[in-house]
Amino acid sequence: MSDRDEFGAFLVGFVVGGLTGAVVALLFAPQSGEETRALIKDKSIELRDQAAHTAEEALARAEAVAAEARQRADELAKVVRERATEITHEVQERGKGALEAVRKTKKDSGAPTA
């Protein structure tokens, strides 16, 4: 578990270091402040659009998985209902057979039947 913690810390440090380096590069670039602000604005709009697109894709995938899970659950419920009906009929037939056997035994022995 400690390896995962170390890797997570490394990954966070790597991302933070990369972002810090990008900000420092933008601030010390040989551009005017206005050009740098325009560049930052354009990049932030681009990142926002990418994030929105990724979120839409993730939502679409989640909806597809949910629909598939719902379909599988419906199919499974149908199979369970069919099997329960089969078992019910089987138990009823066995019960009828047992009742008839009891009645026949009572009839043969001369006992009154129910």
Protein backbone atom coordinates (compact mmCIF):
# COMPACT_ATOMS: atom_id res chain seq x y z
CA MET A 1 0.00 0.00 0.00
CA SER A 2 2.95 2.30 0.66
CA ASP A 3 4.06 1.94 -2.98
CA ARG A 4 0.70 3.31 -4.10
CA ASP A 5 1.03 6.26 -1.72
CA GLU A 6 4.52 6.99 -3.00
CA PHE A 7 3.39 6.77 -6.61
CA GLY A 8 0.39 9.01 -5.90
CA ALA A 9 2.66 11.58 -4.26
CA PHE A 10 5.06 11.39 -7.21
CA LEU A 11 2.19 11.84 -9.68
CA VAL A 12 0.80 14.84 -7.81
CA GLY A 13 4.27 16.39 -7.63
CA PHE A 14 4.80 15.77 -11.32
CA VAL A 15 1.51 17.45 -12.28
CA VAL A 16 2.03 20.40 -9.93
CA GLY A 17 5.60 20.83 -11.20
CA GLY A 18 4.43 20.76 -14.80
CA LEU A 19 1.75 23.37 -14.16
CA THR A 20 4.20 25.56 -12.25
CA GLY A 21 6.69 25.31 -15.09
CA ALA A 22 4.03 26.28 -17.62
CA VAL A 23 3.01 29.34 -15.57
CA VAL A 24 6.63 30.43 -15.11
CA ALA A 25 7.29 29.98 -18.84
CA LEU A 26 4.28 32.15 -19.68
CA LEU A 27 5.29 34.85 -17.20
CA PHE A 28 8.90 35.04 -18.39
CA ALA A 29 8.12 34.70 -22.10
CA PRO A 30 9.43 37.47 -24.33
CA GLN A 31 5.89 38.69 -25.03
CA SER A 32 4.00 41.70 -23.88
CA GLY A 33 1.60 41.36 -20.97
CA GLU A 34 -1.34 41.80 -23.33
CA GLU A 35 -0.15 38.97 -25.59
CA THR A 36 0.46 36.74 -22.58
CA ARG A 37 -3.02 37.45 -21.19
CA ALA A 38 -4.55 36.71 -24.60
CA LEU A 39 -2.58 33.46 -24.77
CA ILE A 40 -3.68 32.48 -21.26
CA LYS A 41 -7.29 33.33 -22.13
CA ASP A 42 -7.16 31.26 -25.33
CA LYS A 43 -5.59 28.30 -23.55
CA SER A 44 -8.11 28.47 -20.70
CA ILE A 45 -11.00 28.50 -23.21
CA GLU A 46 -9.44 25.55 -25.01
CA LEU A 47 -9.01 23.62 -21.75
CA ARG A 48 -12.59 24.44 -20.70
CA ASP A 49 -13.92 23.15 -24.02
CA GLN A 50 -11.83 19.99 -23.73
CA ALA A 51 -13.10 19.42 -20.20
CA ALA A 52 -16.72 19.92 -21.32
CA HIS A 53 -16.22 17.53 -24.23
CA THR A 54 -14.61 14.91 -21.97
CA ALA A 55 -17.44 15.28 -19.45
CA GLU A 56 -20.04 14.83 -22.20
CA GLU A 57 -18.27 11.69 -23.44
CA ALA A 58 -18.06 10.29 -19.91
CA LEU A 59 -21.76 11.01 -19.37
CA ALA A 60 -22.69 9.33 -22.64
CA ARG A 61 -20.61 6.26 -21.73
CA ALA A 62 -22.16 6.14 -18.25
CA GLU A 63 -25.66 6.35 -19.74
CA ALA A 64 -24.85 3.56 -22.19
CA VAL A 65 -23.51 1.35 -19.41
CA ALA A 66 -26.56 2.11 -17.26
CA ALA A 67 -28.91 1.26 -20.15
CA GLU A 68 -27.07 -2.01 -20.76
CA ALA A 69 -27.17 -2.88 -17.05
CA ARG A 70 -30.90 -2.08 -16.97
CA GLN A 71 -31.48 -4.32 -20.00
CA ARG A 72 -29.50 -7.17 -18.43
CA ALA A 73 -31.42 -6.77 -15.17
CA ASP A 74 -34.73 -6.89 -17.06
CA GLU A 75 -33.64 -10.03 -18.92
CA LEU A 76 -32.50 -11.65 -15.68
CA ALA A 77 -35.79 -10.76 -13.98
CA LYS A 78 -37.69 -12.31 -16.88
CA VAL A 79 -35.65 -15.52 -16.63
CA VAL A 80 -36.20 -15.64 -12.86
CA ARG A 81 -39.98 -15.14 -13.28
CA GLU A 82 -40.14 -17.89 -15.90
CA ARG A 83 -38.14 -20.26 -13.71
CA ALA A 84 -40.31 -19.44 -10.68
CA THR A 85 -43.43 -20.19 -12.74
CA GLU A 86 -41.95 -23.50 -13.86
CA ILE A 87 -41.06 -24.45 -10.29
CA THR A 88 -44.54 -23.44 -9.08
CA HIS A 89 -46.21 -25.64 -11.68
CA GLU A 90 -43.83 -28.48 -10.89
CA VAL A 91 -44.57 -28.23 -7.16
CA GLN A 92 -48.31 -28.10 -7.86
CA GLU A 93 -48.11 -31.23 -10.00
CA ARG A 94 -46.11 -33.06 -7.36
CA GLY A 95 -48.60 -31.93 -4.71
CA LYS A 96 -51.52 -33.21 -6.80
CA GLY A 97 -49.73 -36.51 -7.29
CA ALA A 98 -49.04 -36.83 -3.57
CA LEU A 99 -52.65 -35.95 -2.73
CA GLU A 100 -53.96 -38.53 -5.16
CA ALA A 101 -51.59 -41.13 -3.70
CA VAL A 102 -52.83 -40.33 -0.18
CA ARG A 103 -56.46 -40.52 -1.30
CA LYS A 104 -55.82 -43.81 -3.08
CA THR A 105 -54.10 -45.22 -0.01
CA LYS A 106 -57.00 -44.13 2.23
CA LYS A 107 -59.54 -45.49 -0.25
CA ASP A 108 -57.73 -48.84 -0.42
CA SER A 109 -57.55 -49.02 3.36
CA GLY A 110 -61.21 -48.07 3.76
CA ALA A 111 -60.56 -44.85 5.68
CA PRO A 112 -62.82 -41.85 4.93
CA THR A 113 -61.32 -39.37 2.42
CA ALA A 114 -61.18 -35.67 2.92
